[in-house]
C-alpha atoms as a PDB file:
ATOM      1  CA  MET A   1     141.333 -14.644 -75.711  1.00  0.00           C
ATOM      2  CA  GLU A   2     137.800 -16.881 -74.844  1.00  0.00           C
ATOM      3  CA  LEU A   3     135.774 -14.790 -72.126  1.00  0.00           C
ATOM      4  CA  GLU A   4     134.015 -17.185 -69.271  1.00  0.00           C
ATOM      5  CA  GLN A   5     131.109 -15.096 -67.169  1.00  0.00           C
ATOM      6  CA  HIS A   6     128.752 -16.574 -64.624  1.00  0.00           C
ATOM      7  CA  ILE A   7     127.643 -13.410 -63.157  1.00  0.00           C
ATOM      8  CA  LYS A   8     123.547 -13.104 -62.789  1.00  0.00           C
ATOM      9  CA  ILE A   9     122.569  -9.244 -62.461  1.00  0.00           C
ATOM     10  CA  ALA A  10     120.289  -8.604 -59.545  1.00  0.00           C
ATOM     11  CA  VAL A  11     118.070  -5.481 -59.095  1.00  0.00           C
ATOM     12  CA  ASP A  12     116.839  -4.476 -55.369  1.00  0.00           C
ATOM     13  CA  ALA A  13     114.819  -1.809 -54.177  1.00  0.00           C
ATOM     14  CA  ILE A  14     114.874   0.154 -50.766  1.00  0.00           C
ATOM     15  CA  VAL A  15     110.975   1.635 -50.611  1.00  0.00           C
ATOM     16  CA  PHE A  16     110.791   4.588 -47.980  1.00  0.00           C
ATOM     17  CA  GLY A  17     107.759   5.211 -46.249  1.00  0.00           C
ATOM     18  CA  TYR A  18     106.573   8.060 -43.949  1.00  0.00           C
ATOM     19  CA  THR A  19     104.530   7.979 -40.836  1.00  0.00           C
ATOM     20  CA  GLU A  20     104.119  10.417 -37.828  1.00  0.00           C
ATOM     21  CA  ASN A  21     107.441  10.923 -37.346  1.00  0.00           C
ATOM     22  CA  SER A  22     108.847   8.241 -38.488  1.00  0.00           C
ATOM     23  CA  LEU A  23     110.738   7.100 -41.576  1.00  0.00           C
ATOM     24  CA  ASN A  24     110.083   3.488 -42.617  1.00  0.00           C
ATOM     25  CA  VAL A  25     111.778   0.861 -45.150  1.00  0.00           C
ATOM     26  CA  LEU A  26     109.444  -1.831 -46.706  1.00  0.00           C
ATOM     27  CA  LEU A  27     111.206  -5.561 -46.427  1.00  0.00           C
ATOM     28  CA  ILE A  28     110.012  -9.119 -47.272  1.00  0.00           C
ATOM     29  CA  LYS A  29     110.580 -11.922 -45.941  1.00  0.00           C
ATOM     30  CA  GLN A  30     112.347 -14.593 -47.741  1.00  0.00           C
ATOM     31  CA  LYS A  31     110.300 -17.842 -48.492  1.00  0.00           C
ATOM     32  CA  TYR A  32     112.872 -20.494 -50.172  1.00  0.00           C
ATOM     33  CA  GLY A  33     116.423 -21.440 -49.942  1.00  0.00           C
ATOM     34  CA  ILE A  34     119.003 -21.126 -47.382  1.00  0.00           C
ATOM     35  CA  LEU A  35     118.253 -17.540 -46.193  1.00  0.00           C
ATOM     36  CA  LYS A  36     114.486 -18.669 -45.816  1.00  0.00           C
ATOM     37  CA  ASN A  37     112.750 -16.401 -42.551  1.00  0.00           C
ATOM     38  CA  GLN A  38     115.462 -13.926 -43.481  1.00  0.00           C
ATOM     39  CA  TRP A  39     114.524 -10.275 -44.111  1.00  0.00           C
ATOM     40  CA  ALA A  40     115.893  -8.875 -47.082  1.00  0.00           C
ATOM     41  CA  LEU A  41     114.882  -5.703 -49.478  1.00  0.00           C
ATOM     42  CA  VAL A  42     112.771  -6.489 -52.283  1.00  0.00           C
ATOM     43  CA  GLY A  43     114.168  -7.565 -55.601  1.00  0.00           C
ATOM     44  CA  GLY A  44     115.317 -10.464 -57.056  1.00  0.00           C
ATOM     45  CA  PHE A  45     117.268 -11.618 -60.717  1.00  0.00           C
ATOM     46  CA  VAL A  46     116.805  -9.919 -63.973  1.00  0.00           C
ATOM     47  CA  GLN A  47     115.205 -11.516 -66.590  1.00  0.00           C
ATOM     48  CA  ASP A  48     116.999 -11.934 -70.255  1.00  0.00           C
ATOM     49  CA  ASN A  49     114.399 -10.474 -72.134  1.00  0.00           C
ATOM     50  CA  GLU A  50     113.865  -7.128 -69.333  1.00  0.00           C
ATOM     51  CA  THR A  51     115.286  -3.812 -68.689  1.00  0.00           C
ATOM     52  CA  LEU A  52     116.866  -2.767 -65.238  1.00  0.00           C
ATOM     53  CA  ASN A  53     113.675  -0.499 -64.880  1.00  0.00           C
ATOM     54  CA  ASN A  54     111.238  -3.216 -65.902  1.00  0.00           C
ATOM     55  CA  ALA A  55     112.826  -5.538 -63.350  1.00  0.00           C
ATOM     56  CA  VAL A  56     112.562  -3.513 -60.770  1.00  0.00           C
ATOM     57  CA  ASN A  57     109.121  -2.696 -61.060  1.00  0.00           C
ATOM     58  CA  ARG A  58     107.923  -6.071 -61.795  1.00  0.00           C
ATOM     59  CA  GLU A  59     109.377  -7.315 -58.417  1.00  0.00           C
ATOM     60  CA  LEU A  60     107.612  -4.599 -56.636  1.00  0.00           C
ATOM     61  CA  GLN A  61     104.498  -5.919 -57.779  1.00  0.00           C
ATOM     62  CA  GLU A  62     105.701  -9.423 -57.483  1.00  0.00           C
ATOM     63  CA  GLU A  63     106.982  -9.632 -53.981  1.00  0.00           C
ATOM     64  CA  ALA A  64     105.087  -6.545 -52.347  1.00  0.00           C
ATOM     65  CA  GLY A  65     102.357  -6.139 -54.493  1.00  0.00           C
ATOM     66  CA  ILE A  66     102.754  -2.307 -55.061  1.00  0.00           C
ATOM     67  CA  LYS A  67     103.198  -0.159 -57.911  1.00  0.00           C
ATOM     68  CA  VAL A  68     105.411   3.532 -57.272  1.00  0.00           C
ATOM     69  CA  ASN A  69     105.634   6.875 -58.282  1.00  0.00           C
ATOM     70  CA  TYR A  70     109.157   7.771 -57.737  1.00  0.00           C
ATOM     71  CA  LEU A  71     112.012   5.359 -58.470  1.00  0.00           C
ATOM     72  CA  GLU A  72     115.742   6.224 -58.748  1.00  0.00           C
ATOM     73  CA  GLN A  73     118.630   4.152 -59.694  1.00  0.00           C
ATOM     74  CA  LEU A  74     121.015   4.135 -56.445  1.00  0.00           C
ATOM     75  CA  PHE A  75     124.006   2.731 -56.937  1.00  0.00           C
ATOM     76  CA  THR A  76     125.774  -0.711 -58.458  1.00  0.00           C
ATOM     77  CA  PHE A  77     126.475  -3.079 -55.531  1.00  0.00           C
ATOM     78  CA  GLY A  78     129.284  -5.721 -56.663  1.00  0.00           C
ATOM     79  CA  ASP A  79     132.790  -5.360 -54.951  1.00  0.00           C
ATOM     80  CA  LYS A  80     132.045  -8.181 -52.518  1.00  0.00           C
ATOM     81  CA  LEU A  81     132.370 -11.213 -54.046  1.00  0.00           C
ATOM     82  CA  ASP A  82     130.474 -13.352 -51.280  1.00  0.00           C
ATOM     83  CA  ARG A  83     127.788 -10.716 -51.398  1.00  0.00           C
ATOM     84  CA  ASP A  84     125.387 -13.692 -52.090  1.00  0.00           C
ATOM     85  CA  PRO A  85     126.270 -16.895 -50.756  1.00  0.00           C
ATOM     86  CA  ARG A  86     124.768 -18.817 -53.498  1.00  0.00           C
ATOM     87  CA  PHE A  87     126.711 -17.343 -56.217  1.00  0.00           C
ATOM     88  CA  ARG A  88     128.626 -14.215 -57.769  1.00  0.00           C
ATOM     89  CA  VAL A  89     125.837 -11.795 -58.433  1.00  0.00           C
ATOM     90  CA  ILE A  90     125.574  -7.998 -58.984  1.00  0.00           C
ATOM     91  CA  SER A  91     122.712  -5.825 -57.616  1.00  0.00           C
ATOM     92  CA  VAL A  92     121.610  -2.876 -59.308  1.00  0.00           C
ATOM     93  CA  ALA A  93     119.713  -0.490 -56.433  1.00  0.00           C
ATOM     94  CA  TYR A  94     116.947   1.732 -56.990  1.00  0.00           C
ATOM     95  CA  PHE A  95     115.738   4.073 -53.847  1.00  0.00           C
ATOM     96  CA  ALA A  96     111.418   4.842 -54.132  1.00  0.00           C
ATOM     97  CA  LEU A  97     109.060   7.133 -52.302  1.00  0.00           C
ATOM     98  CA  VAL A  98     105.761   6.636 -51.764  1.00  0.00           C
ATOM     99  CA  ASN A  99     102.835   7.631 -49.055  1.00  0.00           C
ATOM    100  CA  SER A 100     102.250   4.363 -48.026  1.00  0.00           C
ATOM    101  CA  SER A 101      98.962   4.834 -46.092  1.00  0.00           C
ATOM    102  CA  LYS A 102      98.002   4.750 -49.161  1.00  0.00           C
ATOM    103  CA  LEU A 103      99.093   1.392 -49.954  1.00  0.00           C
ATOM    104  CA  ILE A 104      98.209  -2.232 -49.450  1.00  0.00           C
ATOM    105  CA  LEU A 105     100.931  -4.874 -49.116  1.00  0.00           C
ATOM    106  CA  LYS A 106     100.590  -7.964 -50.949  1.00  0.00           C
ATOM    107  CA  ALA A 107     103.747 -10.432 -50.352  1.00  0.00           C
ATOM    108  CA  ASP A 108     103.512 -12.845 -53.689  1.00  0.00           C
ATOM    109  CA  THR A 109     106.355 -15.067 -55.603  1.00  0.00           C
ATOM    110  CA  ASP A 110     109.313 -15.851 -53.475  1.00  0.00           C
ATOM    111  CA  ALA A 111     108.289 -13.441 -50.531  1.00  0.00           C
ATOM    112  CA  GLU A 112     106.836 -14.885 -47.483  1.00  0.00           C
ATOM    113  CA  ASP A 113     105.400 -11.609 -45.807  1.00  0.00           C
ATOM    114  CA  ALA A 114     106.170  -7.645 -47.197  1.00  0.00           C
ATOM    115  CA  LYS A 115     106.207  -5.732 -43.599  1.00  0.00           C
ATOM    116  CA  TRP A 116     107.130  -1.754 -43.054  1.00  0.00           C
ATOM    117  CA  PHE A 117     110.002  -1.251 -40.107  1.00  0.00           C
ATOM    118  CA  PRO A 118     110.582   1.803 -38.532  1.00  0.00           C
ATOM    119  CA  ILE A 119     114.613   2.253 -40.119  1.00  0.00           C
ATOM    120  CA  LYS A 120     115.747   2.343 -36.810  1.00  0.00           C
ATOM    121  CA  GLU A 121     113.840  -0.750 -35.720  1.00  0.00           C
ATOM    122  CA  LEU A 122     115.355  -3.278 -38.354  1.00  0.00           C
ATOM    123  CA  PRO A 123     115.664  -6.382 -38.346  1.00  0.00           C
ATOM    124  CA  PRO A 124     118.964  -8.193 -39.264  1.00  0.00           C
ATOM    125  CA  LEU A 125     118.847  -7.912 -43.496  1.00  0.00           C
ATOM    126  CA  ALA A 126     120.066 -10.786 -45.418  1.00  0.00           C
ATOM    127  CA  PHE A 127     123.004 -10.134 -47.821  1.00  0.00           C
ATOM    128  CA  ASP A 128     124.334  -6.871 -47.990  1.00  0.00           C
ATOM    129  CA  HIS A 129     121.408  -5.143 -47.908  1.00  0.00           C
ATOM    130  CA  GLU A 130     122.284  -3.114 -44.581  1.00  0.00           C
ATOM    131  CA  GLU A 131     125.050  -1.803 -46.933  1.00  0.00           C
ATOM    132  CA  ILE A 132     122.450  -1.128 -49.617  1.00  0.00           C
ATOM    133  CA  LEU A 133     120.171   0.469 -47.145  1.00  0.00           C
ATOM    134  CA  GLN A 134     122.757   2.737 -45.515  1.00  0.00           C
ATOM    135  CA  THR A 135     123.691   4.365 -49.208  1.00  0.00           C
ATOM    136  CA  ALA A 136     120.022   5.022 -49.626  1.00  0.00           C
ATOM    137  CA  HIS A 137     119.173   6.735 -46.707  1.00  0.00           C
ATOM    138  CA  GLN A 138     122.511   8.990 -47.143  1.00  0.00           C
ATOM    139  CA  ARG A 139     121.244   9.986 -50.299  1.00  0.00           C
ATOM    140  CA  LEU A 140     117.793  10.463 -49.122  1.00  0.00           C
ATOM    141  CA  LYS A 141     119.163  13.072 -46.743  1.00  0.00           C
ATOM    142  CA  ASN A 142     121.333  14.667 -49.293  1.00  0.00           C
ATOM    143  CA  LYS A 143     118.773  14.627 -52.007  1.00  0.00           C
ATOM    144  CA  LEU A 144     116.489  16.188 -49.453  1.00  0.00           C
ATOM    145  CA  THR A 145     117.887  19.395 -49.410  1.00  0.00           C
ATOM    146  CA  TYR A 146     118.070  20.126 -53.501  1.00  0.00           C
ATOM    147  CA  GLN A 147     115.012  18.728 -54.582  1.00  0.00           C
ATOM    148  CA  PRO A 148     111.586  18.917 -53.272  1.00  0.00           C
ATOM    149  CA  ILE A 149     111.264  14.928 -52.787  1.00  0.00           C
ATOM    150  CA  GLY A 150     109.461  15.046 -49.437  1.00  0.00           C
ATOM    151  CA  PHE A 151     106.488  15.860 -50.771  1.00  0.00           C
ATOM    152  CA  ASP A 152     106.659  12.352 -52.371  1.00  0.00           C
ATOM    153  CA  LEU A 153     106.506  10.814 -48.814  1.00  0.00           C
ATOM    154  CA  LEU A 154     103.522  12.550 -47.940  1.00  0.00           C
ATOM    155  CA  PRO A 155      99.427  13.001 -49.006  1.00  0.00           C
ATOM    156  CA  LYS A 156      98.449  15.161 -51.463  1.00  0.00           C
ATOM    157  CA  GLU A 157      97.134  17.015 -49.225  1.00  0.00           C
ATOM    158  CA  PHE A 158      98.814  17.897 -46.398  1.00  0.00           C
ATOM    159  CA  LEU A 159      99.667  19.942 -43.027  1.00  0.00           C
ATOM    160  CA  PHE A 160     102.401  22.394 -43.183  1.00  0.00           C
ATOM    161  CA  SER A 161     103.729  21.082 -39.412  1.00  0.00           C
ATOM    162  CA  ASP A 162     103.776  17.631 -41.081  1.00  0.00           C
ATOM    163  CA  LEU A 163     106.357  18.950 -43.675  1.00  0.00           C
ATOM    164  CA  GLU A 164     108.550  20.504 -41.398  1.00  0.00           C
ATOM    165  CA  ASN A 165     108.006  17.429 -39.175  1.00  0.00           C
ATOM    166  CA  LEU A 166     109.148  15.237 -41.857  1.00  0.00           C
ATOM    167  CA  TYR A 167     112.377  16.931 -42.637  1.00  0.00           C
ATOM    168  CA  CYS A 168     113.039  16.993 -38.928  1.00  0.00           C
ATOM    169  CA  THR A 169     112.851  13.022 -38.586  1.00  0.00           C
ATOM    170  CA  ILE A 170     114.858  12.247 -42.092  1.00  0.00           C
ATOM    171  CA  LEU A 171     117.588  14.816 -41.491  1.00  0.00           C
ATOM    172  CA  GLU A 172     117.512  13.916 -37.750  1.00  0.00           C
ATOM    173  CA  LYS A 173     117.862  17.252 -36.677  1.00  0.00           C
ATOM    174  CA  GLU A 174     116.027  19.976 -35.300  1.00  0.00           C
ATOM    175  CA  ILE A 175     114.990  22.795 -37.680  1.00  0.00           C
ATOM    176  CA  ASP A 176     114.322  26.466 -37.123  1.00  0.00           C
ATOM    177  CA  ARG A 177     110.520  25.899 -38.275  1.00  0.00           C
ATOM    178  CA  ARG A 178     110.061  29.848 -38.353  1.00  0.00           C
ATOM    179  CA  ASN A 179     112.529  30.202 -40.946  1.00  0.00           C
ATOM    180  CA  PHE A 180     111.671  26.894 -43.059  1.00  0.00           C
ATOM    181  CA  ARG A 181     108.129  27.862 -43.163  1.00  0.00           C
ATOM    182  CA  LYS A 182     109.064  31.309 -44.943  1.00  0.00           C
ATOM    183  CA  LYS A 183     111.854  29.735 -47.230  1.00  0.00           C
ATOM    184  CA  ILE A 184     109.455  27.024 -48.407  1.00  0.00           C
ATOM    185  CA  LEU A 185     106.482  29.438 -49.151  1.00  0.00           C
ATOM    186  CA  SER A 186     108.899  32.019 -50.863  1.00  0.00           C
ATOM    187  CA  PHE A 187     109.599  29.113 -53.356  1.00  0.00           C
ATOM    188  CA  GLY A 188     106.086  29.480 -54.431  1.00  0.00           C
ATOM    189  CA  ILE A 189     105.111  25.353 -55.227  1.00  0.00           C
ATOM    190  CA  ILE A 190     102.949  24.736 -52.083  1.00  0.00           C
ATOM    191  CA  GLU A 191      99.600  26.096 -52.404  1.00  0.00           C
ATOM    192  CA  GLU A 192      97.004  26.709 -49.168  1.00  0.00           C
ATOM    193  CA  THR A 193      94.044  24.962 -49.935  1.00  0.00           C
ATOM    194  CA  GLU A 194      90.476  25.501 -48.413  1.00  0.00           C
ATOM    195  CA  LYS A 195      90.653  22.468 -46.479  1.00  0.00           C
ATOM    196  CA  PHE A 196      90.837  21.908 -42.841  1.00  0.00           C
ATOM    197  CA  SER A 197      92.868  19.237 -41.107  1.00  0.00           C
ATOM    198  CA  PRO A 198      90.203  16.244 -39.577  1.00  0.00           C
ATOM    199  CA  LYS A 199      92.626  16.257 -36.351  1.00  0.00           C
ATOM    200  CA  LYS A 200      90.224  16.580 -32.979  1.00  0.00           C
ATOM    201  CA  SER A 201      92.775  18.571 -30.980  1.00  0.00           C
ATOM    202  CA  GLY A 202      94.347  21.957 -31.452  1.00  0.00           C
ATOM    203  CA  ARG A 203      92.706  24.757 -33.603  1.00  0.00           C
ATOM    204  CA  PRO A 204      92.006  24.000 -36.828  1.00  0.00           C
ATOM    205  CA  ALA A 205      94.797  24.232 -39.637  1.00  0.00           C
ATOM    206  CA  LYS A 206      94.506  24.446 -43.021  1.00  0.00           C
ATOM    207  CA  LEU A 207      95.728  21.980 -45.470  1.00  0.00           C
ATOM    208  CA  PHE A 208      98.494  22.692 -48.209  1.00  0.00           C
ATOM    209  CA  LYS A 209      99.634  20.085 -51.562  1.00  0.00           C
ATOM    210  CA  PHE A 210     102.342  20.873 -53.881  1.00  0.00           C
ATOM    211  CA  ASN A 211     102.279  22.076 -57.203  1.00  0.00           C
ATOM    212  CA  LYS A 212     104.176  19.898 -59.239  1.00  0.00           C
ATOM    213  CA  LEU A 213     103.320  21.680 -62.555  1.00  0.00           C
ATOM    214  CA  LYS A 214     104.657  25.065 -61.030  1.00  0.00           C
ATOM    215  CA  TYR A 215     108.025  23.142 -59.706  1.00  0.00           C
ATOM    216  CA  ASN A 216     108.655  22.073 -62.885  1.00  0.00           C
ATOM    217  CA  LYS A 217     108.242  25.072 -65.055  1.00  0.00           C
ATOM    218  CA  LEU A 218     110.165  26.780 -62.346  1.00  0.00           C
ATOM    219  CA  THR A 219     112.856  24.396 -62.757  1.00  0.00           C
ATOM    220  CA  ASN A 220     113.373  24.826 -66.705  1.00  0.00           C
ATOM    221  CA  GLU A 221     113.179  28.458 -66.158  1.00  0.00           C
ATOM    222  CA  GLY A 222     116.606  27.961 -63.945  1.00  0.00           C
ATOM    223  CA  PHE A 223     114.172  27.863 -60.562  1.00  0.00           C
ATOM    224  CA  LEU A 224     117.004  26.139 -57.560  1.00  0.00           C
ATOM    225  CA  PHE A 225     115.216  24.495 -54.951  1.00  0.00           C
ATOM    226  CA  GLU A 226     117.920  24.851 -52.048  1.00  0.00           C
ATOM    227  CA  ILE A 227     116.806  24.385 -48.297  1.00  0.00           C
ATOM    228  CA  ASN A 228     120.543  24.667 -46.044  1.00  0.00           C
ATOM    229  CA  PHE A 229     120.243  23.948 -42.707  1.00  0.00           C
ATOM    230  CA  ALA A 230     122.677  24.537 -39.802  1.00  0.00           C
END
């Protein structure tokens, strides 16, 4: 039987950033087509001569002018036949975590603008990107409790209170800060530096840093990072 198939493959990237008490998402404004001026996730079609991973990294560079260190394949979206009004498209979604304070956004190619939005203040999104974003948000919440991915959202040196606030913000709940601190420090994967916070108000507090090499070594020895919240 002859196969007739006209399906296009796309990639979409949900890029999370964090500022004080706010989880943010990177969106781009469409420059062309029937969805012109609508906000959407970074993404586009996979070229014939590239891998999925290369495609999503290319789109991040072209549409927002950024490179990311943490990138993970999330899910494939294609059950809705009309998810793209132009033609049949299956999208392979990725989610990324960045220290957004260090990134300079630069919209290019088919993006009119690139901007961070607080996850609770999003504009209407094109295609099924709201569903994709919700899936990524839930994955982030879940993964935060069994992998130390929160450090990818923070500067290399941070206040312990910043780490506490990050968990509270993303999980959308208060945590027992004393037990949280005791638990995190017991892992031995963050180190207190000799540097103090540049913040002027209150008593000076020392900065901490995540020791990724030690975490990887412990993981290879069977260590499990796990934080349970009631």
